[in-house]
Amino acid sequence: MIISFINQKGGVGKTTIAINVASALAQQGFKTLLIDADKQGSSSTWASLREETPFQVVSLARENMAKDALSLATEYDFTLIDAPPHAEAISRSCIIASDLVVMPIEPSGLSTWASDVTVQQVEQAREYKETLKCGFVVSRKIGKTVIGRQVREMVENTGMRVFDADIENRVAFAESMTMGQTIFEWGADKKAMAEIETLTKELVNYGKEELSERTETEKLSIA
């Protein structure tokens, strides 16, 4: 399964989520690949701080990356794509390669409005790939604030799925990334680890639904 993390606005925690979800999958025994499709190379920089990573990290930041991403993904149980902000052509290629598009949004109208571009791209891609799924995850949330609840209500109006797991704005995420570690290796915040584990479980279960739907579609086409 290929999962891309995309938002046209930067600074929404996209790379942090992608790296830590990849780590959670690897801990469960899944062979996992993380594709860095962002020319800023944040995921690749994180990997360069380590002697080895618990999952494979490759850089593939170009507009026509979909074909190569699909080819690489055949060797893995899960392939995650860390997509770039402000790069519609590359984002479109990431979406085409994906089974599930995850849009991290922070409690701000700016990131919600920026996600509109991605939603439009997903809808366009669905014309060719009907099984493509999409969902929002609230990221960098500040505790139990009103704005945190409001952003969830805003995106629910799109009719797309909003994952139950919220990723809060925790110092442990920034610290672990800076030190080239996953939130599990850093181990300083159990709540942060639980948030990533909950989100990962949701993504895997949603992926199972997608694969089941795809199988049924293939059976019908054969019939």
N, C-alpha and C. Protein backbone atom coordinates (compact mmCIF):
# COMPACT_ATOMS: atom_id res chain seq x y z
N MET A 1 0.84 -1.19 0.00
CA MET A 1 0.00 0.00 0.00
C MET A 1 0.87 1.24 0.00
N ILE A 2 0.46 2.26 -0.76
CA ILE A 2 1.22 3.50 -0.85
C ILE A 2 0.40 4.63 -0.24
N ILE A 3 0.99 5.30 0.74
CA ILE A 3 0.33 6.39 1.45
C ILE A 3 1.16 7.66 1.27
N SER A 4 0.55 8.72 0.78
CA SER A 4 1.26 9.98 0.65
C SER A 4 0.73 10.99 1.67
N PHE A 5 1.64 11.82 2.17
CA PHE A 5 1.30 12.88 3.12
C PHE A 5 1.51 14.21 2.42
N ILE A 6 0.41 14.94 2.20
CA ILE A 6 0.46 16.12 1.34
C ILE A 6 -0.33 17.28 1.93
N ASN A 7 0.24 18.47 1.86
CA ASN A 7 -0.49 19.72 2.04
C ASN A 7 0.31 20.80 1.35
N GLN A 8 -0.36 21.65 0.61
CA GLN A 8 0.35 22.70 -0.13
C GLN A 8 0.96 23.75 0.79
N LYS A 9 0.55 23.78 2.05
CA LYS A 9 1.16 24.67 3.03
C LYS A 9 2.25 23.93 3.78
N GLY A 10 3.41 24.56 3.93
CA GLY A 10 4.49 23.94 4.70
C GLY A 10 4.28 24.14 6.20
N GLY A 11 5.07 23.42 6.99
CA GLY A 11 5.04 23.60 8.43
C GLY A 11 3.85 23.00 9.14
N VAL A 12 3.19 22.00 8.51
CA VAL A 12 2.02 21.40 9.15
C VAL A 12 2.36 20.06 9.83
N GLY A 13 3.63 19.71 9.87
CA GLY A 13 4.03 18.46 10.54
C GLY A 13 4.01 17.26 9.64
N LYS A 14 4.00 17.49 8.33
CA LYS A 14 3.90 16.41 7.35
C LYS A 14 5.07 15.43 7.45
N THR A 15 6.30 15.95 7.47
CA THR A 15 7.49 15.09 7.53
C THR A 15 7.56 14.35 8.85
N THR A 16 7.25 15.03 9.93
CA THR A 16 7.26 14.41 11.26
C THR A 16 6.31 13.22 11.31
N ILE A 17 5.12 13.40 10.77
CA ILE A 17 4.13 12.31 10.77
C ILE A 17 4.59 11.18 9.88
N ALA A 18 5.09 11.50 8.68
CA ALA A 18 5.52 10.46 7.74
C ALA A 18 6.62 9.60 8.34
N ILE A 19 7.63 10.23 8.94
CA ILE A 19 8.75 9.49 9.52
C ILE A 19 8.29 8.60 10.67
N ASN A 20 7.44 9.13 11.53
CA ASN A 20 7.04 8.37 12.70
C ASN A 20 6.02 7.27 12.39
N VAL A 21 5.17 7.49 11.40
CA VAL A 21 4.27 6.42 10.97
C VAL A 21 5.10 5.30 10.32
N ALA A 22 6.11 5.69 9.54
CA ALA A 22 7.00 4.68 8.95
C ALA A 22 7.68 3.87 10.04
N SER A 23 8.10 4.54 11.10
CA SER A 23 8.74 3.85 12.22
C SER A 23 7.77 2.89 12.91
N ALA A 24 6.54 3.33 13.11
CA ALA A 24 5.53 2.48 13.76
C ALA A 24 5.26 1.24 12.92
N LEU A 25 5.19 1.40 11.61
CA LEU A 25 4.97 0.26 10.72
C LEU A 25 6.14 -0.71 10.77
N ALA A 26 7.36 -0.16 10.75
CA ALA A 26 8.56 -1.00 10.81
C ALA A 26 8.62 -1.78 12.11
N GLN A 27 8.20 -1.16 13.21
CA GLN A 27 8.19 -1.83 14.51
C GLN A 27 7.22 -3.01 14.52
N GLN A 28 6.18 -2.92 13.69
CA GLN A 28 5.21 -4.01 13.61
C GLN A 28 5.65 -5.11 12.66
N GLY A 29 6.84 -4.96 12.10
CA GLY A 29 7.38 -6.00 11.24
C GLY A 29 7.10 -5.81 9.76
N PHE A 30 6.50 -4.68 9.39
CA PHE A 30 6.24 -4.40 7.99
C PHE A 30 7.50 -3.87 7.31
N LYS A 31 7.78 -4.37 6.12
CA LYS A 31 8.88 -3.84 5.32
C LYS A 31 8.41 -2.50 4.76
N THR A 32 9.08 -1.43 5.17
CA THR A 32 8.56 -0.08 4.92
C THR A 32 9.57 0.79 4.18
N LEU A 33 9.06 1.55 3.22
CA LEU A 33 9.87 2.49 2.44
C LEU A 33 9.29 3.89 2.63
N LEU A 34 10.17 4.86 2.83
CA LEU A 34 9.76 6.27 2.88
C LEU A 34 10.41 6.99 1.70
N ILE A 35 9.59 7.53 0.82
CA ILE A 35 10.09 8.29 -0.33
C ILE A 35 10.03 9.77 0.00
N ASP A 36 11.18 10.43 -0.08
CA ASP A 36 11.26 11.87 0.13
C ASP A 36 11.07 12.55 -1.23
N ALA A 37 9.87 13.08 -1.45
CA ALA A 37 9.56 13.74 -2.72
C ALA A 37 9.62 15.25 -2.61
N ASP A 38 10.17 15.73 -1.51
CA ASP A 38 10.28 17.17 -1.25
C ASP A 38 11.71 17.62 -1.57
N LYS A 39 11.85 18.62 -2.42
CA LYS A 39 13.18 19.09 -2.79
C LYS A 39 13.95 19.68 -1.62
N GLN A 40 13.24 20.06 -0.56
CA GLN A 40 13.91 20.53 0.65
C GLN A 40 14.64 19.38 1.36
N GLY A 41 14.20 18.17 1.09
CA GLY A 41 14.88 16.98 1.59
C GLY A 41 14.90 16.80 3.09
N SER A 42 13.80 17.15 3.76
CA SER A 42 13.77 17.04 5.22
C SER A 42 13.89 15.60 5.70
N SER A 43 13.18 14.68 5.06
CA SER A 43 13.25 13.27 5.46
C SER A 43 14.65 12.71 5.20
N SER A 44 15.24 13.09 4.08
CA SER A 44 16.59 12.63 3.75
C SER A 44 17.61 13.20 4.73
N THR A 45 17.42 14.46 5.12
CA THR A 45 18.32 15.08 6.10
C THR A 45 18.23 14.35 7.44
N TRP A 46 16.99 14.03 7.84
CA TRP A 46 16.79 13.28 9.08
C TRP A 46 17.53 11.95 9.01
N ALA A 47 17.42 11.25 7.89
CA ALA A 47 18.07 9.94 7.73
C ALA A 47 19.59 10.08 7.75
N SER A 48 20.11 11.21 7.25
CA SER A 48 21.57 11.41 7.19
C SER A 48 22.18 11.61 8.58
N LEU A 49 21.35 11.88 9.57
CA LEU A 49 21.84 12.06 10.93
C LEU A 49 22.07 10.73 11.64
N ARG A 50 21.73 9.63 10.98
CA ARG A 50 21.79 8.31 11.58
C ARG A 50 22.77 7.41 10.84
N GLU A 51 23.25 6.40 11.54
CA GLU A 51 24.08 5.38 10.88
C GLU A 51 23.21 4.45 10.06
N GLU A 52 22.03 4.13 10.56
CA GLU A 52 21.07 3.32 9.84
C GLU A 52 19.66 3.70 10.28
N THR A 53 18.68 3.39 9.43
CA THR A 53 17.29 3.71 9.73
C THR A 53 16.48 2.43 9.87
N PRO A 54 15.38 2.47 10.64
CA PRO A 54 14.54 1.27 10.79
C PRO A 54 13.71 0.96 9.56
N PHE A 55 13.75 1.84 8.57
CA PHE A 55 13.05 1.66 7.31
C PHE A 55 13.89 2.33 6.23
N GLN A 56 13.63 1.96 4.99
CA GLN A 56 14.40 2.50 3.87
C GLN A 56 13.94 3.92 3.54
N VAL A 57 14.88 4.81 3.27
CA VAL A 57 14.56 6.18 2.86
C VAL A 57 15.26 6.47 1.54
N VAL A 58 14.48 6.91 0.54
CA VAL A 58 15.05 7.27 -0.76
C VAL A 58 14.52 8.63 -1.18
N SER A 59 15.32 9.37 -1.93
CA SER A 59 14.93 10.68 -2.43
C SER A 59 14.41 10.54 -3.86
N LEU A 60 13.23 11.12 -4.12
CA LEU A 60 12.63 11.01 -5.45
C LEU A 60 11.81 12.28 -5.70
N ALA A 61 12.50 13.41 -5.69
CA ALA A 61 11.83 14.71 -5.78
C ALA A 61 11.83 15.23 -7.21
N ARG A 62 10.97 14.66 -8.01
CA ARG A 62 10.82 15.16 -9.38
C ARG A 62 9.38 14.97 -9.85
N GLU A 63 9.02 15.74 -10.86
CA GLU A 63 7.62 15.80 -11.28
C GLU A 63 7.08 14.47 -11.79
N ASN A 64 7.91 13.67 -12.42
CA ASN A 64 7.44 12.40 -13.00
C ASN A 64 7.85 11.20 -12.16
N MET A 65 7.71 11.35 -10.83
CA MET A 65 8.21 10.31 -9.92
C MET A 65 7.26 9.13 -9.75
N ALA A 66 6.02 9.25 -10.23
CA ALA A 66 5.00 8.23 -9.96
C ALA A 66 5.40 6.84 -10.44
N LYS A 67 5.91 6.72 -11.65
CA LYS A 67 6.27 5.42 -12.20
C LYS A 67 7.35 4.74 -11.36
N ASP A 68 8.39 5.50 -11.00
CA ASP A 68 9.47 4.93 -10.19
C ASP A 68 8.99 4.58 -8.78
N ALA A 69 8.11 5.40 -8.24
CA ALA A 69 7.57 5.12 -6.90
C ALA A 69 6.78 3.82 -6.90
N LEU A 70 5.97 3.62 -7.92
CA LEU A 70 5.19 2.38 -8.03
C LEU A 70 6.10 1.17 -8.19
N SER A 71 7.18 1.34 -8.93
CA SER A 71 8.13 0.24 -9.13
C SER A 71 8.84 -0.12 -7.82
N LEU A 72 9.28 0.90 -7.09
CA LEU A 72 9.95 0.66 -5.80
C LEU A 72 9.00 0.02 -4.79
N ALA A 73 7.75 0.44 -4.81
CA ALA A 73 6.77 -0.02 -3.82
C ALA A 73 6.49 -1.51 -3.90
N THR A 74 6.76 -2.13 -5.02
CA THR A 74 6.48 -3.56 -5.17
C THR A 74 7.31 -4.40 -4.21
N GLU A 75 8.41 -3.85 -3.72
CA GLU A 75 9.31 -4.59 -2.83
C GLU A 75 8.98 -4.39 -1.35
N TYR A 76 7.93 -3.61 -1.05
CA TYR A 76 7.64 -3.26 0.34
C TYR A 76 6.18 -3.50 0.69
N ASP A 77 5.93 -3.71 1.99
CA ASP A 77 4.55 -3.85 2.47
C ASP A 77 3.86 -2.49 2.44
N PHE A 78 4.58 -1.46 2.89
CA PHE A 78 4.05 -0.10 2.90
C PHE A 78 5.09 0.85 2.34
N THR A 79 4.62 1.76 1.49
CA THR A 79 5.46 2.83 0.98
C THR A 79 4.80 4.15 1.36
N LEU A 80 5.53 5.00 2.05
CA LEU A 80 5.02 6.32 2.44
C LEU A 80 5.74 7.38 1.61
N ILE A 81 5.01 8.39 1.21
CA ILE A 81 5.59 9.47 0.42
C ILE A 81 5.45 10.79 1.18
N ASP A 82 6.60 11.43 1.43
CA ASP A 82 6.63 12.75 2.04
C ASP A 82 6.63 13.76 0.90
N ALA A 83 5.45 14.30 0.58
CA ALA A 83 5.29 15.17 -0.58
C ALA A 83 5.65 16.62 -0.24
N PRO A 84 5.97 17.42 -1.25
CA PRO A 84 6.41 18.79 -1.01
C PRO A 84 5.25 19.78 -0.93
N PRO A 85 5.45 20.91 -0.23
CA PRO A 85 4.50 22.01 -0.31
C PRO A 85 4.83 22.87 -1.53
N HIS A 86 3.88 23.65 -1.96
CA HIS A 86 4.10 24.64 -3.04
C HIS A 86 4.66 23.99 -4.31
N ALA A 87 4.28 22.78 -4.61
CA ALA A 87 4.77 22.12 -5.82
C ALA A 87 3.65 21.24 -6.37
N GLU A 88 2.74 21.84 -7.07
CA GLU A 88 1.55 21.13 -7.51
C GLU A 88 1.86 19.98 -8.46
N ALA A 89 2.87 20.15 -9.33
CA ALA A 89 3.18 19.10 -10.30
C ALA A 89 3.69 17.84 -9.60
N ILE A 90 4.60 18.01 -8.64
CA ILE A 90 5.13 16.85 -7.91
C ILE A 90 4.03 16.24 -7.04
N SER A 91 3.24 17.09 -6.40
CA SER A 91 2.14 16.59 -5.57
C SER A 91 1.18 15.75 -6.39
N ARG A 92 0.89 16.20 -7.59
CA ARG A 92 -0.01 15.46 -8.47
C ARG A 92 0.56 14.07 -8.78
N SER A 93 1.85 14.02 -9.01
CA SER A 93 2.52 12.74 -9.28
C SER A 93 2.46 11.83 -8.06
N CYS A 94 2.64 12.42 -6.87
CA CYS A 94 2.55 11.64 -5.62
C CYS A 94 1.16 11.05 -5.45
N ILE A 95 0.14 11.85 -5.76
CA ILE A 95 -1.24 11.40 -5.63
C ILE A 95 -1.52 10.25 -6.59
N ILE A 96 -1.05 10.38 -7.81
CA ILE A 96 -1.28 9.34 -8.82
C ILE A 96 -0.68 8.01 -8.36
N ALA A 97 0.45 8.06 -7.67
CA ALA A 97 1.12 6.84 -7.21
C ALA A 97 0.45 6.22 -5.98
N SER A 98 -0.41 6.97 -5.32
CA SER A 98 -0.91 6.58 -4.00
C SER A 98 -2.20 5.76 -4.02
N ASP A 99 -2.38 5.01 -2.94
CA ASP A 99 -3.65 4.35 -2.64
C ASP A 99 -4.44 5.21 -1.66
N LEU A 100 -3.72 5.92 -0.80
CA LEU A 100 -4.34 6.76 0.22
C LEU A 100 -3.55 8.07 0.32
N VAL A 101 -4.27 9.19 0.25
CA VAL A 101 -3.68 10.52 0.42
C VAL A 101 -4.09 11.05 1.79
N VAL A 102 -3.10 11.37 2.61
CA VAL A 102 -3.35 11.90 3.95
C VAL A 102 -2.94 13.36 3.98
N MET A 103 -3.86 14.22 4.36
CA MET A 103 -3.58 15.65 4.41
C MET A 103 -3.49 16.15 5.85
N PRO A 104 -2.29 16.36 6.37
CA PRO A 104 -2.16 16.95 7.71
C PRO A 104 -2.58 18.41 7.67
N ILE A 105 -3.41 18.81 8.59
CA ILE A 105 -3.82 20.22 8.69
C ILE A 105 -3.67 20.68 10.12
N GLU A 106 -3.13 21.87 10.30
CA GLU A 106 -3.01 22.43 11.64
C GLU A 106 -4.22 23.30 11.94
N PRO A 107 -4.46 23.63 13.21
CA PRO A 107 -5.61 24.46 13.57
C PRO A 107 -5.44 25.89 13.06
N SER A 108 -5.56 26.04 11.76
CA SER A 108 -5.41 27.34 11.12
C SER A 108 -6.15 27.30 9.79
N GLY A 109 -6.85 28.38 9.49
CA GLY A 109 -7.54 28.43 8.21
C GLY A 109 -6.59 28.33 7.04
N LEU A 110 -5.34 28.79 7.23
CA LEU A 110 -4.37 28.78 6.13
C LEU A 110 -4.10 27.37 5.63
N SER A 111 -3.88 26.42 6.54
CA SER A 111 -3.58 25.06 6.10
C SER A 111 -4.82 24.38 5.54
N THR A 112 -5.99 24.76 6.06
CA THR A 112 -7.24 24.20 5.54
C THR A 112 -7.49 24.68 4.12
N TRP A 113 -7.27 25.97 3.89
CA TRP A 113 -7.45 26.51 2.54
C TRP A 113 -6.43 25.94 1.58
N ALA A 114 -5.20 25.75 2.06
CA ALA A 114 -4.15 25.19 1.21
C ALA A 114 -4.48 23.77 0.80
N SER A 115 -5.17 23.04 1.66
CA SER A 115 -5.53 21.66 1.36
C SER A 115 -6.55 21.57 0.24
N ASP A 116 -7.24 22.68 -0.04
CA ASP A 116 -8.23 22.68 -1.12
C ASP A 116 -7.61 22.28 -2.45
N VAL A 117 -6.36 22.71 -2.68
CA VAL A 117 -5.67 22.37 -3.92
C VAL A 117 -5.47 20.86 -4.01
N THR A 118 -5.07 20.25 -2.89
CA THR A 118 -4.85 18.81 -2.86
C THR A 118 -6.17 18.06 -3.06
N VAL A 119 -7.24 18.55 -2.43
CA VAL A 119 -8.55 17.92 -2.60
C VAL A 119 -8.95 17.92 -4.07
N GLN A 120 -8.73 19.04 -4.74
CA GLN A 120 -9.05 19.13 -6.17
C GLN A 120 -8.22 18.13 -6.98
N GLN A 121 -6.94 18.01 -6.63
CA GLN A 121 -6.07 17.07 -7.34
C GLN A 121 -6.53 15.63 -7.12
N VAL A 122 -6.97 15.32 -5.90
CA VAL A 122 -7.46 13.98 -5.60
C VAL A 122 -8.71 13.68 -6.42
N GLU A 123 -9.62 14.65 -6.48
CA GLU A 123 -10.85 14.45 -7.24
C GLU A 123 -10.54 14.22 -8.72
N GLN A 124 -9.55 14.94 -9.24
CA GLN A 124 -9.15 14.75 -10.63
C GLN A 124 -8.54 13.36 -10.84
N ALA A 125 -7.72 12.93 -9.88
CA ALA A 125 -7.06 11.63 -9.98
C ALA A 125 -8.08 10.49 -9.90
N ARG A 126 -9.17 10.70 -9.17
CA ARG A 126 -10.20 9.67 -9.02
C ARG A 126 -10.91 9.36 -10.33
N GLU A 127 -10.80 10.26 -11.30
CA GLU A 127 -11.38 10.00 -12.61
C GLU A 127 -10.69 8.82 -13.29
N TYR A 128 -9.42 8.61 -12.91
CA TYR A 128 -8.63 7.53 -13.49
C TYR A 128 -8.40 6.39 -12.49
N LYS A 129 -8.52 6.71 -11.20
CA LYS A 129 -8.23 5.74 -10.15
C LYS A 129 -9.35 5.81 -9.11
N GLU A 130 -10.43 5.09 -9.37
CA GLU A 130 -11.63 5.20 -8.55
C GLU A 130 -11.43 4.76 -7.11
N THR A 131 -10.45 3.89 -6.86
CA THR A 131 -10.24 3.37 -5.51
C THR A 131 -9.40 4.30 -4.64
N LEU A 132 -8.92 5.41 -5.19
CA LEU A 132 -8.08 6.34 -4.43
C LEU A 132 -8.85 6.90 -3.24
N LYS A 133 -8.24 6.83 -2.06
CA LYS A 133 -8.88 7.34 -0.85
C LYS A 133 -8.12 8.56 -0.34
N CYS A 134 -8.81 9.35 0.47
CA CYS A 134 -8.22 10.58 0.99
C CYS A 134 -8.78 10.86 2.37
N GLY A 135 -7.94 11.40 3.24
CA GLY A 135 -8.40 11.74 4.58
C GLY A 135 -7.54 12.82 5.21
N PHE A 136 -8.13 13.52 6.18
CA PHE A 136 -7.43 14.57 6.91
C PHE A 136 -6.96 14.05 8.27
N VAL A 137 -5.82 14.57 8.73
CA VAL A 137 -5.41 14.34 10.11
C VAL A 137 -5.05 15.69 10.72
N VAL A 138 -5.64 15.98 11.87
CA VAL A 138 -5.35 17.24 12.55
C VAL A 138 -3.96 17.14 13.18
N SER A 139 -3.08 18.07 12.80
CA SER A 139 -1.68 18.03 13.22
C SER A 139 -1.32 19.33 13.96
N ARG A 140 -0.31 19.23 14.80
CA ARG A 140 0.18 20.40 15.56
C ARG A 140 -0.95 21.05 16.36
N LYS A 141 -1.86 20.23 16.85
CA LYS A 141 -2.97 20.72 17.64
C LYS A 141 -2.48 21.15 19.03
N ILE A 142 -3.02 22.24 19.52
CA ILE A 142 -2.62 22.73 20.84
C ILE A 142 -3.69 22.34 21.85
N GLY A 143 -3.43 21.23 22.53
CA GLY A 143 -4.32 20.76 23.58
C GLY A 143 -5.78 20.70 23.19
N LYS A 144 -6.64 20.86 24.17
CA LYS A 144 -8.08 20.79 23.93
C LYS A 144 -8.64 22.20 23.72
N THR A 145 -8.13 22.85 22.68
CA THR A 145 -8.55 24.22 22.40
C THR A 145 -9.77 24.24 21.48
N VAL A 146 -10.47 25.38 21.49
CA VAL A 146 -11.65 25.55 20.64
C VAL A 146 -11.25 25.47 19.17
N ILE A 147 -10.13 26.11 18.81
CA ILE A 147 -9.71 26.12 17.41
C ILE A 147 -9.37 24.72 16.92
N GLY A 148 -8.91 23.86 17.83
CA GLY A 148 -8.64 22.48 17.46
C GLY A 148 -9.90 21.75 17.05
N ARG A 149 -11.00 22.03 17.76
CA ARG A 149 -12.29 21.42 17.42
C ARG A 149 -12.86 22.04 16.16
N GLN A 150 -12.66 23.33 16.00
CA GLN A 150 -13.20 24.03 14.84
C GLN A 150 -12.60 23.55 13.53
N VAL A 151 -11.29 23.29 13.52
CA VAL A 151 -10.65 22.86 12.28
C VAL A 151 -11.18 21.50 11.86
N ARG A 152 -11.49 20.65 12.83
CA ARG A 152 -12.09 19.35 12.52
C ARG A 152 -13.47 19.54 11.87
N GLU A 153 -14.25 20.47 12.40
CA GLU A 153 -15.57 20.75 11.84
C GLU A 153 -15.45 21.31 10.42
N MET A 154 -14.43 22.15 10.19
CA MET A 154 -14.24 22.76 8.87
C MET A 154 -13.99 21.70 7.80
N VAL A 155 -13.11 20.74 8.10
CA VAL A 155 -12.76 19.75 7.08
C VAL A 155 -13.83 18.66 6.94
N GLU A 156 -14.61 18.44 8.00
CA GLU A 156 -15.69 17.47 7.90
C GLU A 156 -16.71 17.90 6.84
N ASN A 157 -16.80 19.20 6.61
CA ASN A 157 -17.74 19.71 5.60
C ASN A 157 -17.33 19.34 4.18
N THR A 158 -16.10 18.89 3.98
CA THR A 158 -15.66 18.49 2.65
C THR A 158 -16.23 17.13 2.25
N GLY A 159 -16.72 16.40 3.25
CA GLY A 159 -17.26 15.07 2.98
C GLY A 159 -16.19 13.99 2.98
N MET A 160 -14.95 14.38 3.21
CA MET A 160 -13.86 13.41 3.25
C MET A 160 -13.59 12.98 4.69
N ARG A 161 -12.96 11.84 4.82
CA ARG A 161 -12.72 11.27 6.14
C ARG A 161 -11.77 12.15 6.95
N VAL A 162 -12.07 12.25 8.25
CA VAL A 162 -11.16 12.91 9.19
C VAL A 162 -10.76 11.84 10.20
N PHE A 163 -9.48 11.51 10.24
CA PHE A 163 -9.03 10.46 11.14
C PHE A 163 -9.21 10.88 12.60
N ASP A 164 -9.53 9.90 13.44
CA ASP A 164 -9.81 10.18 14.85
C ASP A 164 -8.57 10.67 15.60
N ALA A 165 -7.41 10.16 15.21
CA ALA A 165 -6.17 10.52 15.90
C ALA A 165 -5.78 11.96 15.61
N ASP A 166 -5.55 12.74 16.67
CA ASP A 166 -5.00 14.09 16.54
C ASP A 166 -3.53 14.04 16.95
N ILE A 167 -2.68 14.72 16.19
CA ILE A 167 -1.27 14.80 16.54
C ILE A 167 -1.03 16.18 17.15
N GLU A 168 -0.77 16.21 18.44
CA GLU A 168 -0.62 17.49 19.13
C GLU A 168 0.76 18.10 18.91
N ASN A 169 0.84 19.40 19.15
CA ASN A 169 2.09 20.15 18.97
C ASN A 169 2.97 19.93 20.20
N ARG A 170 3.77 18.86 20.17
CA ARG A 170 4.55 18.46 21.32
C ARG A 170 6.05 18.70 21.09
N VAL A 171 6.72 19.16 22.12
CA VAL A 171 8.15 19.43 22.04
C VAL A 171 8.92 18.17 21.67
N ALA A 172 8.44 17.03 22.13
CA ALA A 172 9.15 15.76 21.88
C ALA A 172 9.28 15.47 20.39
N PHE A 173 8.30 15.86 19.61
CA PHE A 173 8.38 15.64 18.16
C PHE A 173 9.54 16.44 17.57
N ALA A 174 9.64 17.71 17.95
CA ALA A 174 10.71 18.56 17.43
C ALA A 174 12.07 18.08 17.91
N GLU A 175 12.16 17.69 19.18
CA GLU A 175 13.43 17.23 19.74
C GLU A 175 13.92 15.96 19.04
N SER A 176 13.02 15.01 18.87
CA SER A 176 13.41 13.74 18.27
C SER A 176 13.84 13.93 16.81
N MET A 177 13.13 14.76 16.07
CA MET A 177 13.50 15.02 14.68
C MET A 177 14.87 15.68 14.59
N THR A 178 15.12 16.64 15.47
CA THR A 178 16.40 17.36 15.46
C THR A 178 17.57 16.42 15.74
N MET A 179 17.32 15.40 16.56
CA MET A 179 18.38 14.46 16.93
C MET A 179 18.44 13.25 15.99
N GLY A 180 17.63 13.26 14.94
CA GLY A 180 17.66 12.16 13.99
C GLY A 180 17.07 10.88 14.56
N GLN A 181 16.09 11.02 15.42
CA GLN A 181 15.45 9.85 16.04
C GLN A 181 13.95 9.86 15.75
N THR A 182 13.33 8.71 15.94
CA THR A 182 11.87 8.64 15.87
C THR A 182 11.33 8.96 17.26
N ILE A 183 10.05 9.21 17.34
CA ILE A 183 9.45 9.51 18.64
C ILE A 183 9.55 8.31 19.58
N PHE A 184 9.62 7.11 19.01
CA PHE A 184 9.73 5.89 19.83
C PHE A 184 11.14 5.74 20.39
N GLU A 185 12.13 6.11 19.62
CA GLU A 185 13.51 6.05 20.09
C GLU A 185 13.78 7.14 21.12
N TRP A 186 13.18 8.29 20.91
CA TRP A 186 13.35 9.40 21.85
C TRP A 186 12.74 9.05 23.20
N GLY A 187 11.54 8.49 23.14
CA GLY A 187 10.91 7.91 24.33
C GLY A 187 10.59 8.85 25.46
N ALA A 188 10.53 10.16 25.18
CA ALA A 188 10.32 11.12 26.26
C ALA A 188 8.86 11.49 26.46
N ASP A 189 8.01 11.07 25.56
CA ASP A 189 6.60 11.48 25.63
C ASP A 189 5.72 10.31 25.19
N LYS A 190 5.15 9.62 26.16
CA LYS A 190 4.31 8.46 25.87
C LYS A 190 3.04 8.84 25.13
N LYS A 191 2.53 10.03 25.40
CA LYS A 191 1.32 10.47 24.71
C LYS A 191 1.60 10.69 23.23
N ALA A 192 2.77 11.23 22.92
CA ALA A 192 3.15 11.43 21.52
C ALA A 192 3.26 10.10 20.80
N MET A 193 3.86 9.12 21.46
CA MET A 193 3.98 7.78 20.86
C MET A 193 2.59 7.17 20.63
N ALA A 194 1.70 7.35 21.60
CA ALA A 194 0.35 6.79 21.49
C ALA A 194 -0.42 7.43 20.33
N GLU A 195 -0.22 8.73 20.10
CA GLU A 195 -0.89 9.41 19.00
C GLU A 195 -0.47 8.82 17.65
N ILE A 196 0.84 8.59 17.49
CA ILE A 196 1.34 8.02 16.24
C ILE A 196 0.84 6.58 16.07
N GLU A 197 0.85 5.82 17.14
CA GLU A 197 0.37 4.43 17.07
C GLU A 197 -1.10 4.38 16.69
N THR A 198 -1.91 5.29 17.26
CA THR A 198 -3.34 5.32 16.94
C THR A 198 -3.57 5.69 15.49
N LEU A 199 -2.84 6.71 15.01
CA LEU A 199 -2.98 7.11 13.61
C LEU A 199 -2.54 6.00 12.67
N THR A 200 -1.44 5.35 12.99
CA THR A 200 -0.93 4.26 12.15
C THR A 200 -1.95 3.13 12.04
N LYS A 201 -2.57 2.79 13.16
CA LYS A 201 -3.59 1.74 13.16
C LYS A 201 -4.76 2.14 12.27
N GLU A 202 -5.17 3.41 12.35
CA GLU A 202 -6.27 3.88 11.49
C GLU A 202 -5.91 3.78 10.02
N LEU A 203 -4.68 4.17 9.68
CA LEU A 203 -4.25 4.14 8.28
C LEU A 203 -4.20 2.70 7.76
N VAL A 204 -3.69 1.79 8.58
CA VAL A 204 -3.61 0.38 8.16
C VAL A 204 -5.02 -0.18 7.95
N ASN A 205 -5.92 0.09 8.87
CA ASN A 205 -7.29 -0.41 8.74
C ASN A 205 -7.99 0.19 7.54
N TYR A 206 -7.76 1.48 7.31
CA TYR A 206 -8.35 2.14 6.14
C TYR A 206 -7.78 1.54 4.86
N GLY A 207 -6.50 1.18 4.92
CA GLY A 207 -5.86 0.54 3.78
C GLY A 207 -6.45 -0.82 3.49
N LYS A 208 -6.79 -1.56 4.53
CA LYS A 208 -7.41 -2.87 4.35
C LYS A 208 -8.77 -2.72 3.66
N GLU A 209 -9.50 -1.67 4.03
CA GLU A 209 -10.78 -1.40 3.38
C GLU A 209 -10.56 -1.12 1.91
N GLU A 210 -9.52 -0.32 1.60
CA GLU A 210 -9.22 0.04 0.21
C GLU A 210 -8.86 -1.19 -0.60
N LEU A 211 -8.02 -2.05 -0.04
CA LEU A 211 -7.61 -3.25 -0.76
C LEU A 211 -8.78 -4.19 -0.99
N SER A 212 -9.69 -4.26 0.01
CA SER A 212 -10.87 -5.10 -0.12
C SER A 212 -11.77 -4.59 -1.24
N GLU A 213 -11.95 -3.25 -1.29
CA GLU A 213 -12.78 -2.65 -2.33
C GLU A 213 -12.17 -2.89 -3.71
N ARG A 214 -10.83 -2.76 -3.78
CA ARG A 214 -10.14 -2.95 -5.05
C ARG A 214 -10.32 -4.39 -5.54
N THR A 215 -10.22 -5.36 -4.62
CA THR A 215 -10.38 -6.77 -4.98
C THR A 215 -11.77 -7.03 -5.53
N GLU A 216 -12.79 -6.45 -4.87
CA GLU A 216 -14.16 -6.63 -5.33
C GLU A 216 -14.36 -6.02 -6.71
N THR A 217 -13.74 -4.85 -6.93
CA THR A 217 -13.85 -4.19 -8.24
C THR A 217 -13.22 -5.05 -9.32
N GLU A 218 -12.06 -5.64 -9.01
CA GLU A 218 -11.36 -6.48 -9.98
C GLU A 218 -12.19 -7.73 -10.31
N LYS A 219 -12.85 -8.29 -9.27
CA LYS A 219 -13.69 -9.47 -9.48
C LYS A 219 -14.85 -9.15 -10.42
N LEU A 220 -15.45 -7.97 -10.21
CA LEU A 220 -16.58 -7.56 -11.04
C LEU A 220 -16.16 -7.34 -12.48
N SER A 221 -14.96 -6.75 -12.66
CA SER A 221 -14.48 -6.49 -14.02
C SER A 221 -14.18 -7.78 -14.75
N ILE A 222 -13.69 -8.79 -14.00
CA ILE A 222 -13.40 -10.10 -14.60
C ILE A 222 -14.70 -10.79 -15.00
N ALA A 223 -15.69 -10.68 -14.10
CA ALA A 223 -17.00 -11.30 -14.36
C ALA A 223 -17.66 -10.66 -15.58
